[in-house]
Protein backbone atom coordinates (compact mmCIF):
# COMPACT_ATOMS: atom_id res chain seq x y z
CA MET A 1 0.00 0.00 0.00
CA THR A 2 2.68 2.46 1.04
CA SER A 3 4.64 2.16 -2.22
CA PHE A 4 1.57 2.89 -4.36
CA LEU A 5 0.54 5.85 -2.21
CA THR A 6 4.12 7.10 -2.35
CA ARG A 7 4.00 6.91 -6.13
CA LEU A 8 0.77 8.93 -6.03
CA THR A 9 2.40 11.29 -3.48
CA ILE A 10 -0.64 11.23 -1.20
CA GLU A 11 -0.66 10.54 2.54
CA LEU A 12 -4.05 8.90 2.98
CA PRO A 13 -5.46 5.74 1.32
CA ILE A 14 -8.64 7.64 0.43
CA PHE A 15 -9.84 8.40 -3.11
CA GLN A 16 -12.82 10.64 -3.80
CA ALA A 17 -14.89 9.09 -6.60
CA PRO A 18 -15.05 11.20 -9.79
CA MET A 19 -18.88 11.46 -9.87
CA ALA A 20 -19.50 13.23 -13.19
CA GLY A 21 -21.89 16.13 -12.72
CA VAL A 22 -21.46 16.17 -8.93
CA ALA A 23 -17.72 16.39 -8.29
CA THR A 24 -16.55 19.98 -8.81
CA PRO A 25 -13.05 21.43 -9.07
CA ALA A 26 -13.58 22.91 -5.60
CA LEU A 27 -14.40 19.46 -4.18
CA ALA A 28 -11.44 17.79 -5.89
CA ALA A 29 -9.02 20.46 -4.72
CA ALA A 30 -10.28 20.38 -1.13
CA VAL A 31 -9.94 16.60 -0.95
CA SER A 32 -6.43 16.68 -2.42
CA ASN A 33 -5.36 19.50 -0.12
CA ALA A 34 -6.50 17.40 2.85
CA GLY A 35 -4.09 14.60 1.90
CA ALA A 36 -6.37 12.29 -0.07
CA LEU A 37 -6.92 12.04 -3.85
CA GLY A 38 -9.57 14.40 -5.20
CA ALA A 39 -11.25 13.67 -8.51
CA LEU A 40 -13.20 15.07 -11.46
CA GLY A 41 -15.61 13.15 -13.66
CA LEU A 42 -15.31 14.24 -17.29
CA GLY A 43 -17.95 11.91 -18.73
CA ALA A 44 -20.57 14.66 -18.90
CA THR A 45 -18.41 17.37 -20.47
CA ASN A 46 -16.42 18.00 -23.63
CA ALA A 47 -12.74 18.73 -24.22
CA ASP A 48 -13.06 22.45 -23.51
CA GLY A 49 -14.98 21.74 -20.33
CA ALA A 50 -12.30 19.27 -19.26
CA ARG A 51 -9.55 21.84 -19.80
CA ASP A 52 -11.44 24.41 -17.75
CA MET A 53 -12.15 22.02 -14.89
CA ILE A 54 -8.55 20.79 -14.70
CA ALA A 55 -7.28 24.37 -14.74
CA LEU A 56 -9.60 25.28 -11.85
CA VAL A 57 -8.32 22.37 -9.78
CA ARG A 58 -4.73 23.37 -10.45
CA ALA A 59 -5.52 26.94 -9.43
CA SER A 60 -6.54 25.66 -5.99
CA THR A 61 -4.06 22.87 -5.28
CA THR A 62 -0.55 21.74 -6.10
CA ARG A 63 -1.42 18.22 -4.94
CA PRO A 64 -2.19 15.29 -7.27
CA PHE A 65 -5.76 14.68 -8.42
CA HIS A 66 -7.63 12.21 -10.58
CA VAL A 67 -9.79 12.61 -13.70
CA ASN A 68 -12.15 10.01 -15.09
CA VAL A 69 -13.53 9.37 -18.59
CA PHE A 70 -16.31 7.07 -19.79
CA VAL A 71 -15.26 4.47 -22.37
CA HIS A 72 -18.63 2.98 -23.28
CA ALA A 73 -19.42 1.45 -26.63
CA PRO A 74 -20.83 4.29 -28.77
CA ALA A 75 -24.62 4.39 -28.60
CA GLN A 76 -26.62 2.75 -31.38
CA ALA A 77 -29.57 4.90 -32.38
CA ASP A 78 -32.85 3.02 -32.76
CA GLY A 79 -35.75 5.25 -33.76
CA GLU A 80 -38.43 2.68 -33.01
CA ARG A 81 -37.07 1.90 -29.54
CA GLU A 82 -36.60 5.58 -28.72
CA ALA A 83 -40.13 6.45 -29.85
CA ALA A 84 -41.58 3.65 -27.73
CA TRP A 85 -39.66 4.89 -24.69
CA LEU A 86 -40.82 8.47 -25.20
CA ALA A 87 -44.40 7.25 -25.59
CA ALA A 88 -44.10 5.37 -22.29
CA LEU A 89 -42.81 8.51 -20.57
CA ALA A 90 -45.31 10.85 -22.23
CA PRO A 91 -48.07 10.63 -19.58
CA THR A 92 -45.57 11.62 -16.88
CA PHE A 93 -44.35 14.57 -18.95
CA ARG A 94 -47.94 15.70 -19.42
CA ALA A 95 -48.65 15.40 -15.71
CA TYR A 96 -46.14 18.24 -15.36
CA GLY A 97 -47.52 20.31 -18.21
CA ALA A 98 -44.87 19.32 -20.76
CA GLU A 99 -44.47 17.21 -23.87
CA PRO A 100 -41.63 14.71 -24.31
CA PRO A 101 -38.86 15.63 -26.77
CA ALA A 102 -39.67 14.97 -30.42
CA ALA A 103 -36.42 13.00 -30.73
CA LEU A 104 -33.49 11.98 -28.56
CA ARG A 105 -29.80 12.78 -28.93
CA THR A 106 -26.50 11.17 -27.99
CA ILE A 107 -25.65 13.81 -25.41
CA TYR A 108 -22.20 12.54 -24.34
CA ARG A 109 -19.37 11.19 -26.46
CA SER A 110 -17.45 8.10 -25.45
CA PHE A 111 -13.73 8.57 -24.85
CA ALA A 112 -13.33 5.60 -27.19
CA GLU A 113 -13.99 7.95 -30.13
CA ASP A 114 -13.42 11.42 -28.68
CA ASP A 115 -10.17 12.62 -30.22
CA ALA A 116 -10.63 16.12 -28.83
CA MET A 117 -10.84 14.79 -25.26
CA LEU A 118 -7.75 12.68 -25.83
CA ALA A 119 -5.86 15.75 -27.06
CA ALA A 120 -7.06 17.78 -24.06
CA LEU A 121 -5.83 15.16 -21.60
CA VAL A 122 -2.49 14.80 -23.34
CA GLU A 123 -2.11 18.57 -23.21
CA ALA A 124 -3.26 19.00 -19.61
CA ALA A 125 -1.44 15.88 -18.36
CA PRO A 126 -3.44 15.28 -15.15
CA PRO A 127 -1.52 13.13 -12.67
CA VAL A 128 -4.05 10.27 -12.56
CA ILE A 129 -6.55 9.18 -15.22
CA SER A 130 -9.18 6.47 -14.83
CA PHE A 131 -11.55 4.69 -17.19
CA HIS A 132 -15.14 3.61 -16.58
CA PHE A 133 -17.31 1.25 -18.68
CA GLY A 134 -14.29 -0.24 -20.45
CA LEU A 135 -10.79 0.35 -21.74
CA PRO A 136 -9.52 2.68 -24.47
CA ALA A 137 -7.69 1.32 -27.51
CA SER A 138 -4.00 0.61 -27.00
CA GLU A 139 -2.84 3.69 -28.90
CA ARG A 140 -4.96 5.96 -26.67
CA LEU A 141 -3.59 4.28 -23.57
CA ALA A 142 -0.05 4.73 -24.90
CA ALA A 143 -0.63 8.44 -25.54
CA LEU A 144 -1.89 8.97 -21.99
CA ARG A 145 0.86 6.85 -20.47
CA ALA A 146 3.45 8.96 -22.29
CA THR A 147 2.30 12.01 -20.30
CA GLY A 148 3.45 10.30 -17.11
CA ALA A 149 -0.11 9.78 -15.84
CA ILE A 150 -0.93 6.90 -13.53
CA LEU A 151 -3.72 4.93 -15.23
CA LEU A 152 -6.62 3.23 -13.42
CA ALA A 153 -9.64 1.27 -14.62
CA SER A 154 -12.92 0.40 -12.89
CA VAL A 155 -13.74 -3.32 -13.03
CA THR A 156 -16.63 -5.38 -11.69
CA ASN A 157 -15.34 -8.93 -12.08
CA ILE A 158 -12.16 -10.97 -12.51
CA GLU A 159 -12.33 -11.05 -16.32
CA GLU A 160 -12.52 -7.25 -16.54
CA GLY A 161 -9.68 -7.02 -14.03
CA ARG A 162 -7.50 -9.29 -16.09
CA ALA A 163 -8.27 -7.32 -19.24
CA ALA A 164 -7.31 -4.09 -17.49
CA GLU A 165 -4.07 -5.58 -16.21
CA ALA A 166 -3.22 -6.94 -19.67
CA ALA A 167 -3.84 -3.47 -21.12
CA GLY A 168 -1.17 -2.08 -18.80
CA VAL A 169 -3.11 -0.02 -16.27
CA ASP A 170 -1.29 0.76 -13.04
CA ALA A 171 -4.12 -0.27 -10.72
CA VAL A 172 -7.76 -1.33 -10.83
CA ILE A 173 -10.77 0.05 -8.98
CA ALA A 174 -12.88 -2.85 -7.70
CA GLN A 175 -16.43 -1.51 -8.04
CA GLY A 176 -18.73 -3.62 -5.90
CA TRP A 177 -22.45 -4.05 -6.46
CA GLU A 178 -23.05 -1.71 -3.50
CA ALA A 179 -21.55 1.28 -5.31
CA GLY A 180 -23.62 4.32 -6.22
CA GLY A 181 -23.82 5.76 -9.71
CA HIS A 182 -23.17 3.96 -12.95
CA ARG A 183 -22.18 0.32 -12.79
CA GLY A 184 -18.83 0.02 -14.54
CA VAL A 185 -19.55 -3.21 -16.43
CA PHE A 186 -17.74 -3.35 -19.75
CA ASP A 187 -20.74 -4.99 -21.48
CA PRO A 188 -24.12 -4.05 -20.00
CA ALA A 189 -25.80 -6.77 -22.09
CA ALA A 190 -23.72 -9.55 -20.47
CA PRO A 191 -24.78 -11.30 -17.24
CA ASP A 192 -23.61 -9.35 -14.19
CA GLU A 193 -22.16 -11.41 -11.33
CA ARG A 194 -23.11 -8.59 -8.93
CA LEU A 195 -20.04 -9.19 -6.81
CA GLY A 196 -19.97 -7.22 -3.58
CA THR A 197 -17.07 -4.94 -2.70
CA PHE A 198 -15.47 -7.32 -0.19
CA ALA A 199 -15.64 -10.41 -2.41
CA LEU A 200 -14.50 -8.55 -5.53
CA THR A 201 -11.63 -6.83 -3.74
CA ARG A 202 -10.31 -10.08 -2.31
CA LEU A 203 -10.65 -11.92 -5.62
CA LEU A 204 -8.76 -9.23 -7.50
CA VAL A 205 -6.04 -8.99 -4.84
CA ARG A 206 -5.51 -12.74 -5.15
CA ARG A 207 -5.77 -12.97 -8.93
CA LEU A 208 -4.04 -9.81 -10.22
CA GLY A 209 -0.53 -8.44 -10.02
CA VAL A 210 -1.55 -4.76 -9.87
CA PRO A 211 -2.81 -2.77 -6.86
CA VAL A 212 -6.53 -2.80 -6.10
CA ILE A 213 -8.61 0.18 -4.92
CA ALA A 214 -11.90 -0.89 -3.32
CA ALA A 215 -15.12 1.00 -4.09
CA GLY A 216 -18.74 0.54 -3.15
CA GLY A 217 -20.66 1.15 0.07
CA ILE A 218 -17.66 2.56 1.95
CA MET A 219 -18.70 5.55 4.05
CA ASP A 220 -16.41 5.78 7.07
CA GLY A 221 -12.98 4.93 8.44
CA ALA A 222 -14.07 1.51 9.64
CA GLY A 223 -15.08 0.62 6.07
CA ILE A 224 -11.75 1.87 4.75
CA ALA A 225 -9.89 -0.19 7.35
CA ALA A 226 -11.90 -3.28 6.38
CA VAL A 227 -10.95 -3.13 2.69
CA LEU A 228 -7.32 -2.38 3.52
CA ARG A 229 -7.26 -5.58 5.59
CA LEU A 230 -8.52 -7.42 2.50
CA GLY A 231 -5.47 -6.23 0.58
CA ALA A 232 -6.74 -3.06 -1.10
CA VAL A 233 -4.20 -0.22 -1.28
CA ALA A 234 -6.91 2.42 -0.89
CA ALA A 235 -10.67 2.93 -0.74
CA GLN A 236 -12.69 5.06 -3.15
CA LEU A 237 -15.70 6.87 -1.67
CA GLY A 238 -18.34 8.67 -3.70
CA THR A 239 -21.64 8.92 -1.83
CA ALA A 240 -19.73 10.01 1.28
CA PHE A 241 -18.74 13.23 -0.54
CA VAL A 242 -22.09 14.09 -2.18
CA ALA A 243 -23.35 16.10 0.80
CA CYS A 244 -20.16 18.18 1.06
CA PRO A 245 -20.87 21.87 0.40
CA GLU A 246 -18.27 21.82 -2.41
CA SER A 247 -20.24 19.27 -4.46
CA ALA A 248 -22.70 20.23 -7.19
CA ALA A 249 -25.53 18.13 -5.73
CA SER A 250 -28.86 19.95 -5.78
CA PRO A 251 -30.67 20.84 -2.53
CA ALA A 252 -33.26 18.13 -3.25
CA TYR A 253 -30.54 15.53 -3.85
CA ARG A 254 -28.82 16.48 -0.59
CA ALA A 255 -32.08 16.36 1.34
CA ALA A 256 -32.94 12.92 -0.02
CA LEU A 257 -29.46 11.62 0.77
CA LEU A 258 -29.49 13.00 4.30
CA ALA A 259 -32.88 11.48 5.11
CA GLY A 260 -31.03 8.91 7.21
CA ASP A 261 -32.65 5.49 7.37
CA ALA A 262 -35.20 6.67 4.78
CA ALA A 263 -32.43 6.84 2.16
CA HIS A 264 -32.81 3.57 0.26
CA THR A 265 -31.22 2.72 -3.09
CA VAL A 266 -32.05 0.68 -6.17
CA MET A 267 -30.26 -0.24 -9.39
CA THR A 268 -32.00 1.16 -12.48
CA THR A 269 -31.40 1.56 -16.21
CA ALA A 270 -34.36 3.89 -16.76
CA ILE A 271 -32.64 7.17 -15.99
CA SER A 272 -29.63 6.92 -18.29
CA GLY A 273 -29.84 3.67 -20.23
CA ARG A 274 -27.11 1.90 -18.23
CA PRO A 275 -27.40 0.25 -14.81
CA ALA A 276 -26.85 2.81 -12.07
CA ARG A 277 -27.58 2.80 -8.34
CA SER A 278 -29.85 5.66 -7.30
CA LEU A 279 -31.75 6.77 -4.26
CA VAL A 280 -35.32 5.51 -4.49
CA ASN A 281 -37.27 8.44 -5.93
CA ARG A 282 -40.07 9.32 -8.33
CA PHE A 283 -38.02 8.23 -11.34
CA THR A 284 -37.10 4.81 -9.94
CA ALA A 285 -40.73 4.27 -8.95
CA LEU A 286 -41.80 5.19 -12.49
CA ALA A 287 -39.23 2.75 -13.88
CA ALA A 288 -40.63 -0.09 -11.78
CA GLU A 289 -44.16 0.81 -12.87
CA LEU A 290 -43.20 0.86 -16.56
CA ALA A 291 -41.34 -2.46 -16.26
CA ALA A 292 -44.45 -4.08 -14.79
CA ARG A 293 -46.92 -2.46 -17.19
CA THR A 294 -44.94 -2.52 -20.44
CA PRO A 295 -42.11 -5.05 -20.03
CA SER A 296 -41.39 -5.04 -23.77
CA VAL A 297 -40.45 -1.33 -23.69
CA ALA A 298 -36.85 -0.72 -22.68
CA PRO A 299 -34.75 2.44 -22.35
CA PRO A 300 -32.59 3.34 -25.37
CA ASP A 301 -28.82 2.98 -25.26
CA TYR A 302 -26.73 5.11 -22.92
CA PRO A 303 -26.53 8.09 -23.18
CA ILE A 304 -29.52 8.49 -25.53
CA ALA A 305 -31.91 7.49 -22.73
CA TYR A 306 -30.27 10.10 -20.51
CA ASP A 307 -31.54 12.81 -22.86
CA ALA A 308 -35.10 11.74 -22.04
CA GLY A 309 -34.30 11.43 -18.35
CA LYS A 310 -32.87 14.92 -18.13
CA ALA A 311 -35.85 16.35 -20.02
CA LEU A 312 -38.31 14.70 -17.65
CA HIS A 313 -36.38 15.95 -14.63
CA ALA A 314 -36.41 19.50 -16.05
CA ALA A 315 -40.15 19.36 -16.75
CA ALA A 316 -40.97 18.10 -13.26
CA ALA A 317 -38.54 20.49 -11.53
CA ALA A 318 -40.21 23.42 -13.30
CA ARG A 319 -43.38 22.44 -11.41
CA GLY A 320 -41.54 22.02 -8.10
CA GLU A 321 -41.06 18.23 -8.20
CA HIS A 322 -37.38 17.25 -7.88
CA GLY A 323 -37.77 13.49 -7.54
CA TYR A 324 -36.93 12.74 -11.17
CA GLY A 325 -33.27 13.73 -10.88
CA ALA A 326 -30.30 11.40 -11.13
CA GLN A 327 -29.78 11.05 -7.37
CA TRP A 328 -26.96 8.51 -7.52
CA ALA A 329 -26.00 6.89 -4.20
CA GLY A 330 -24.51 3.67 -2.87
CA GLN A 331 -25.98 1.26 -0.36
CA GLY A 332 -24.22 3.06 2.49
CA ALA A 333 -26.32 6.18 1.85
CA PRO A 334 -27.88 6.28 5.36
CA LEU A 335 -24.36 6.89 6.74
CA ALA A 336 -23.89 10.13 4.75
CA ARG A 337 -22.64 13.22 6.59
CA ALA A 338 -22.83 16.87 5.57
CA LEU A 339 -19.29 18.07 6.25
CA PRO A 340 -16.87 20.30 4.34
CA ALA A 341 -14.68 18.09 2.19
CA SER A 342 -11.45 18.71 4.10
CA GLU A 343 -13.19 18.04 7.42
CA LEU A 344 -14.67 14.84 6.05
CA VAL A 345 -11.25 13.62 4.90
CA TRP A 346 -9.73 14.38 8.30
CA THR A 347 -12.67 12.64 10.02
CA LEU A 348 -12.24 9.58 7.81
CA ALA A 349 -8.52 9.52 8.61
CA ASP A 350 -9.21 9.71 12.36
CA GLU A 351 -11.79 6.91 12.08
CA LEU A 352 -9.36 4.81 10.05
CA ARG A 353 -6.63 5.20 12.68
CA ALA A 354 -9.10 4.31 15.44
CA ALA A 355 -10.26 1.21 13.57
CA GLU A 356 -6.71 0.08 12.92
CA HIS A 357 -5.79 0.66 16.58
CA GLU A 358 -8.81 -1.33 17.74
CA HIS A 359 -7.95 -4.18 15.38
CA ALA A 360 -4.31 -4.23 16.53
CA ASN A 361 -5.39 -4.36 20.18
CA ARG A 362 -7.71 -7.30 19.49
CA ASP A 363 -4.79 -9.16 17.95
């Protein structure tokens, strides 16, 4: 663990998850300044946006930070499927005085084909770059590696872990089934083993020759200590940072997350077109209703379905209903705390030391 953290030049085995759309430059910088690894998610922006966000982080910290890109298979447009999905959503749009979009767009480009984003990252040379939903082509990996960046990849099973190691990444992020946000499966059409964070972390530690960062359901220092004992070199926490004032989470999202034991989660494809763990809300309830009523109607490919999801959220929010947002959260959501990012990092570090001390005393 120490050698990998030394290579990263961070003191604490704590990574903030990139959380596209929620993680801000202010959040990333605060986490990095506190001794952990802050992060930006670039999956919902373009090359110019990425340059701006990276520049803002660098204006606030000299410490290392982490950027993430989505490497999904490019969406396949299907007019019939998209029309059927819009028709299924239409009554809900109308309940909020709106009509569904006439057509849907591919709102985000995959890094697999985004040459402008590749050029931006080569130019900006962030210290750490990670991949979600898959792996870039070898020539893209080589271009990023040549900048000196440490390369990471999210994986959800042993086969994905082995593919990432063979591609030459420096470490893998073991994303357990408990994790909030988008499931990092390489092929969303393939059967998902739904491995939990503990089982996946231990399997990857035993099977791979690269360091493993554990992610999914980890909310406090005791959770971090647990995955370190399993052989992880660090823990990645996302939901734990959503309620920080530096995040871009909306007031409604924060309120739902901080509802304590009322904050339950569910995996859904309805919001974006790919499996993602969300707080139970109006959108997830609608998804369950549609699945029961019209099981033959499925969301379009990611991110085409997300265009519909965002439009429905906007229509409902205009009428004061905020329960159709993408309120991503992991299964540890009831443990969320509303603390400034630096204070949260220091609290996690104190809890980690206490857990390690307690474990040592038991031995």
